[in-house]
Protein backbone atom coordinates (compact mmCIF):
# COMPACT_ATOMS: atom_id res chain seq x y z
CA MET A 1 -1.62 24.96 -5.29
CA ASP A 2 -2.54 24.69 -8.98
CA MET A 3 -2.80 20.94 -9.75
CA THR A 4 -5.05 21.05 -12.75
CA VAL A 5 -2.63 20.36 -15.74
CA THR A 6 -2.79 16.73 -16.62
CA ALA A 7 0.78 14.91 -16.27
CA ASP A 8 2.55 12.55 -18.47
CA LEU A 9 1.97 9.12 -17.47
CA LEU A 10 4.19 7.02 -15.52
CA ALA A 11 5.95 4.13 -17.24
CA PRO A 12 4.39 0.77 -17.11
CA THR A 13 7.29 -0.67 -15.03
CA THR A 14 6.23 1.62 -12.05
CA THR A 15 5.82 -0.56 -8.75
CA MET A 16 5.30 0.61 -5.12
CA GLY A 17 8.09 0.37 -2.70
CA SER A 18 8.22 0.03 0.96
CA VAL A 19 5.66 1.51 3.50
CA THR A 20 6.98 3.35 6.66
CA LEU A 21 4.95 3.17 9.78
CA ARG A 22 5.44 5.23 12.86
CA VAL A 23 4.73 2.86 15.90
CA ARG A 24 4.45 2.85 19.69
CA ASP A 25 5.52 -0.68 20.46
CA LEU A 26 8.30 -1.65 18.10
CA ASP A 27 8.75 -5.18 19.42
CA ALA A 28 5.06 -6.08 19.21
CA MET A 29 4.63 -4.59 15.69
CA THR A 30 7.94 -6.39 14.59
CA ALA A 31 6.46 -9.63 15.83
CA PHE A 32 3.20 -9.27 14.04
CA TYR A 33 4.90 -8.64 10.53
CA SER A 34 7.42 -11.34 10.97
CA ALA A 35 6.06 -14.12 13.22
CA GLY A 36 2.32 -13.31 11.75
CA ILE A 37 2.63 -12.49 8.31
CA GLY A 38 6.04 -13.98 7.57
CA LEU A 39 8.22 -11.18 6.74
CA SER A 40 11.93 -11.34 7.44
CA VAL A 41 13.64 -8.95 9.54
CA LEU A 42 16.34 -7.48 7.05
CA ALA A 43 17.90 -5.00 9.50
CA GLN A 44 17.28 -3.63 13.11
CA THR A 45 18.44 -0.87 15.27
CA GLY A 46 17.40 0.52 18.36
CA GLY A 47 14.59 2.67 16.84
CA GLU A 48 13.85 1.02 13.52
CA ALA A 49 13.09 -2.57 11.87
CA ILE A 50 13.02 -3.15 8.26
CA LEU A 51 10.90 -6.07 7.15
CA GLY A 52 10.70 -7.90 3.84
CA ARG A 53 11.47 -10.73 1.72
CA ASP A 54 14.45 -11.73 -0.55
CA ASN A 55 16.28 -8.37 0.61
CA ARG A 56 13.47 -6.27 -0.64
CA PRO A 57 12.31 -4.06 2.08
CA LEU A 58 8.44 -3.97 2.28
CA VAL A 59 7.45 -2.49 5.83
CA ILE A 60 9.80 -0.07 7.72
CA LEU A 61 8.87 0.31 11.46
CA GLN A 62 9.99 3.53 13.15
CA HIS A 63 9.82 3.71 16.91
CA ALA A 64 7.97 6.89 17.88
CA PRO A 65 6.24 6.41 21.27
CA GLU A 66 6.00 10.29 21.82
CA LEU A 67 3.28 10.50 19.04
CA ALA A 68 -0.38 9.97 19.61
CA TYR A 69 -2.80 7.96 17.56
CA ALA A 70 -4.91 9.94 15.02
CA PRO A 71 -8.53 9.62 15.07
CA ALA A 72 -10.33 7.44 12.58
CA ASP A 73 -11.73 10.35 10.54
CA HIS A 74 -8.44 11.73 9.88
CA ALA A 75 -6.58 11.20 6.55
CA GLY A 76 -3.80 8.61 6.63
CA LEU A 77 -3.38 5.02 5.83
CA PHE A 78 -6.32 2.67 5.08
CA HIS A 79 -4.28 -0.43 4.43
CA THR A 80 -0.87 -1.54 3.18
CA ALA A 81 -1.47 -4.32 0.55
CA ILE A 82 1.07 -7.14 0.25
CA LEU A 83 1.04 -9.16 -3.01
CA PHE A 84 1.81 -12.89 -3.03
CA ASP A 85 3.01 -14.70 -6.15
CA THR A 86 0.85 -17.78 -5.60
CA THR A 87 -2.19 -18.97 -3.79
CA ALA A 88 -0.23 -21.35 -1.72
CA ASP A 89 2.10 -18.46 -0.51
CA LEU A 90 -0.85 -16.45 0.55
CA ALA A 91 -2.48 -19.25 2.24
CA ALA A 92 0.54 -20.04 4.44
CA SER A 93 0.59 -16.28 5.42
CA LEU A 94 -3.22 -16.36 6.02
CA TYR A 95 -2.85 -19.28 8.28
CA SER A 96 0.04 -18.06 10.19
CA VAL A 97 -1.58 -14.78 10.89
CA ALA A 98 -4.84 -16.49 11.96
CA ARG A 99 -2.98 -18.79 14.15
CA ALA A 100 -0.62 -16.31 15.92
CA TYR A 101 -3.18 -13.18 15.85
CA PRO A 102 -6.69 -14.65 15.82
CA GLY A 103 -8.31 -11.27 16.67
CA ALA A 104 -6.56 -9.37 13.80
CA PHE A 105 -8.92 -10.70 10.90
CA THR A 106 -11.29 -7.94 9.79
CA GLY A 107 -12.59 -9.52 6.55
CA SER A 108 -11.92 -11.01 3.09
CA ALA A 109 -13.24 -10.48 -0.45
CA ASP A 110 -12.93 -11.79 -3.95
CA HIS A 111 -12.42 -8.60 -5.99
CA LEU A 112 -12.48 -10.31 -9.48
CA VAL A 113 -9.04 -9.20 -10.31
CA SER A 114 -7.79 -10.50 -6.85
CA GLN A 115 -8.48 -12.50 -3.84
CA ALA A 116 -7.81 -10.58 -0.51
CA PHE A 117 -7.75 -10.89 3.22
CA TYR A 118 -7.74 -8.00 5.65
CA PHE A 119 -6.31 -7.66 9.03
CA ASP A 120 -5.39 -4.91 11.57
CA ASP A 121 -1.95 -4.85 12.83
CA PRO A 122 -1.59 -4.47 16.87
CA GLU A 123 -1.59 -0.62 16.37
CA GLY A 124 -4.70 -0.46 14.11
CA ASN A 125 -2.99 -0.10 10.83
CA GLY A 126 -4.97 -1.79 8.04
CA VAL A 127 -3.20 -4.70 6.17
CA GLU A 128 -4.23 -6.69 2.92
CA LEU A 129 -2.85 -9.94 1.96
CA TYR A 130 -3.57 -10.81 -1.52
CA TRP A 131 -3.16 -12.60 -4.85
CA ASP A 132 -3.65 -11.45 -8.32
CA ARG A 133 -5.64 -13.52 -10.92
CA PRO A 134 -4.02 -13.32 -14.31
CA ARG A 135 -4.27 -10.18 -16.09
CA VAL A 136 -5.92 -11.98 -19.12
CA GLN A 137 -8.90 -12.63 -16.63
CA TRP A 138 -9.18 -9.01 -15.77
CA ARG A 139 -12.31 -7.28 -17.60
CA TRP A 140 -11.94 -3.63 -18.58
CA VAL A 141 -14.81 -1.57 -19.74
CA ASN A 142 -14.21 1.90 -21.17
CA GLY A 143 -10.88 2.20 -19.63
CA HIS A 144 -12.05 1.05 -16.19
CA VAL A 145 -11.08 -2.33 -14.57
CA GLN A 146 -14.27 -4.23 -13.28
CA MET A 147 -13.89 -5.04 -9.57
CA ALA A 148 -16.32 -6.17 -6.97
CA THR A 149 -16.44 -7.21 -3.42
CA ASN A 150 -17.72 -10.77 -3.39
CA TYR A 151 -17.78 -13.20 -0.54
CA LEU A 152 -14.60 -15.21 -0.11
CA ASP A 153 -14.45 -17.97 2.78
CA PRO A 154 -10.86 -17.67 4.37
CA ASN A 155 -11.24 -21.03 5.97
CA ALA A 156 -12.20 -22.51 2.54
CA PHE A 157 -9.34 -20.77 0.98
CA VAL A 158 -6.91 -22.11 3.39
CA THR A 159 -8.10 -25.66 3.02
CA ALA A 160 -8.03 -25.49 -0.70
CA HIS A 161 -4.48 -24.02 -1.11
CA LEU A 162 -2.45 -25.05 2.15
CA THR A 163 -1.85 -28.62 1.55
CA GLY A 164 0.87 -29.42 4.16
CA PRO A 165 3.21 -28.11 6.83
CA ALA A 166 6.07 -27.89 3.95
CA GLU A 167 4.35 -24.73 2.54
CA LEU A 168 4.72 -22.79 5.77
CA ALA A 169 8.40 -22.88 5.10
CA GLY A 170 7.71 -20.45 2.19
CA LEU A 171 6.86 -17.84 4.82
CA THR A 172 10.83 -16.99 4.77
CA ALA A 173 11.45 -17.77 1.19
CA ALA A 174 8.88 -16.62 -1.45
CA PRO A 175 9.44 -13.07 -2.72
CA LEU A 176 6.74 -10.53 -2.12
CA GLN A 177 5.96 -7.10 -2.98
CA VAL A 178 3.85 -4.17 -1.81
CA GLY A 179 1.25 -4.54 -4.61
CA HIS A 180 -0.56 -1.15 -3.70
CA VAL A 181 -1.40 1.25 -0.96
CA HIS A 182 -4.84 2.39 0.05
CA LEU A 183 -5.03 5.87 1.54
CA LYS A 184 -7.62 7.86 3.51
CA VAL A 185 -8.16 11.34 1.97
CA GLY A 186 -10.42 14.32 2.38
CA ASP A 187 -11.78 14.69 -1.28
CA VAL A 188 -11.55 12.44 -4.26
CA ASP A 189 -11.24 15.14 -6.72
CA VAL A 190 -8.22 16.72 -4.94
CA ALA A 191 -6.75 13.44 -4.75
CA GLU A 192 -7.15 12.84 -8.50
CA ALA A 193 -5.52 16.26 -9.21
CA PHE A 194 -2.41 15.15 -7.35
CA TYR A 195 -1.98 11.52 -8.06
CA ILE A 196 -3.08 11.83 -11.67
CA GLY A 197 -2.54 15.38 -12.52
CA VAL A 198 0.78 15.69 -10.99
CA LEU A 199 2.41 12.27 -10.17
CA GLY A 200 1.32 10.78 -13.66
CA PHE A 201 -0.76 7.79 -12.54
CA ALA A 202 -3.99 6.79 -14.57
CA GLU A 203 -7.24 6.33 -13.29
CA THR A 204 -8.44 2.70 -13.32
CA ALA A 205 -11.78 2.79 -11.28
CA ARG A 206 -13.75 5.23 -9.39
CA PHE A 207 -16.82 5.14 -7.28
CA GLY A 208 -18.32 8.54 -7.39
CA SER A 209 -16.81 10.98 -4.69
CA GLN A 210 -15.95 7.81 -2.51
CA ALA A 211 -13.15 6.14 -3.83
CA LEU A 212 -10.68 6.46 -6.76
CA PHE A 213 -7.92 3.85 -7.90
CA VAL A 214 -4.96 4.67 -10.07
CA SER A 215 -2.07 2.85 -11.53
CA ALA A 216 0.75 2.75 -14.04
CA GLY A 217 0.98 0.07 -16.76
CA GLY A 218 -2.54 -1.17 -16.67
CA TYR A 219 -2.30 -2.64 -13.18
CA HIS A 220 -5.64 -2.69 -11.40
CA HIS A 221 -4.11 -0.22 -8.97
CA HIS A 222 -1.11 0.94 -7.30
CA VAL A 223 -2.72 3.61 -5.18
CA ALA A 224 -6.27 3.86 -3.89
CA MET A 225 -7.82 6.74 -2.04
CA ASN A 226 -11.15 6.88 -0.24
CA THR A 227 -13.28 9.06 1.85
CA TRP A 228 -15.37 6.39 3.56
CA GLN A 229 -14.17 7.49 6.95
CA SER A 230 -12.14 10.83 6.23
CA ARG A 231 -14.50 12.93 4.00
CA GLY A 232 -13.60 16.57 4.52
CA ALA A 233 -10.47 15.71 6.46
CA GLY A 234 -7.61 18.20 6.42
CA PRO A 235 -3.87 17.84 6.41
CA ARG A 236 -2.36 15.49 8.91
CA THR A 237 -0.36 16.31 11.71
CA PRO A 238 2.50 14.17 13.18
CA GLY A 239 1.11 10.97 14.69
CA LEU A 240 1.41 7.18 14.83
CA GLY A 241 0.61 5.25 11.63
CA LEU A 242 1.73 6.20 8.22
CA GLY A 243 5.16 7.60 7.93
CA GLN A 244 5.66 7.50 4.09
CA VAL A 245 4.72 5.54 1.02
CA SER A 246 7.49 4.83 -1.58
CA VAL A 247 6.91 4.64 -5.36
CA GLU A 248 9.70 2.98 -7.56
CA LEU A 249 9.91 4.47 -10.99
CA ALA A 250 11.72 2.96 -14.11
CA ASP A 251 14.86 5.34 -13.94
CA SER A 252 16.27 8.72 -12.80
CA ASP A 253 14.81 10.60 -15.83
CA GLU A 254 11.35 9.79 -14.73
CA VAL A 255 12.02 11.07 -11.10
CA ASP A 256 13.37 14.21 -12.61
CA ALA A 257 10.21 14.67 -14.67
CA VAL A 258 8.10 14.32 -11.52
CA ALA A 259 10.40 16.81 -9.76
CA ALA A 260 9.68 19.21 -12.61
CA ARG A 261 5.98 18.75 -12.41
CA LEU A 262 5.96 19.37 -8.71
CA ALA A 263 8.11 22.48 -9.08
CA ASP A 264 5.75 23.60 -11.97
CA ARG A 265 2.84 23.40 -9.64
CA ARG A 266 4.79 25.17 -6.95
CA ILE A 267 4.28 22.06 -4.72
CA SER A 268 7.22 21.96 -2.21
CA PHE A 269 9.29 18.98 -1.94
CA SER A 270 12.80 17.82 -1.29
CA PHE A 271 15.11 16.10 -3.72
CA ASP A 272 18.70 14.88 -3.20
CA GLY A 273 19.11 14.04 -6.97
CA ALA A 274 18.29 10.19 -6.45
CA ALA A 275 15.04 10.48 -4.47
CA LEU A 276 12.37 12.99 -3.81
CA LEU A 277 9.93 13.50 -1.03
CA ALA A 278 6.57 15.25 -1.29
CA ALA A 279 3.43 15.44 0.52
CA ASP A 280 -0.04 15.30 -0.93
CA PRO A 281 -2.77 17.47 0.00
CA TRP A 282 -3.42 15.56 3.36
CA ASN A 283 0.35 15.60 4.26
CA ASN A 284 0.63 11.84 3.40
CA GLN A 285 4.35 11.61 2.41
CA VAL A 286 5.11 10.13 -0.91
CA ARG A 287 8.83 9.04 -1.64
CA ILE A 288 9.75 8.78 -5.23
CA ALA A 289 12.87 7.18 -6.50
CA ALA A 290 14.36 5.13 -9.38
CA ARG A 291 14.25 1.39 -8.83
């Protein structure tokens, strides 16, 4: 694959769509994302559950018990990051997960641009629940947003922002979105060639050969890629965990432009005229469609 040509940038209105997970225990996973995090079950069939808020799908669970769990050093999903509008909404979800799944918590951090809390779902898929500080408070230096991993006390956060049981009702009301997706990849330079050089994201932060953060429209990041566990990993084989990541573009013209860039680089993809599906160099599936 030749991915050396720099692509046109995606429009500033680009956002992330839903994340699809292949799961072994559909009931347990549905309970975690609904009763735990507080997503609504928007639709459910025998083999699939679509969860979200305000009729917006965020997490799609597909029952695939015949598949095996991938080793930790394989490429795939690092975490799905769900963005909350307010600290009160985030505190309500944080309290809900801690109460229903006390062993799921894996850490927290103040990243300067955001405040984030991390969990593993019942099948080991990473989940980030976070709130963004206003963009005017973000600091940029030479085109890179300044981020850090500072200590953030989850108990103090809940105490400060969850003032009463009325806020817990917001678990089924307040709108949410997938703010970003963090992937495990085998090589950061190869990831840059695909996500920037072909798809059209822009680099917002980079930590040497360990991690790359990219976005559209000056967001701190829509997609992150790291090699912390997966350096040198090859393409994924079918397994439990990440099914696909969705990116929502401004209009069909942008989708057509991405399709043209993929074709120019001779990267295989499927395209039905509305949405296209392509695989990154590690076979992480990316769905691209107009909003």
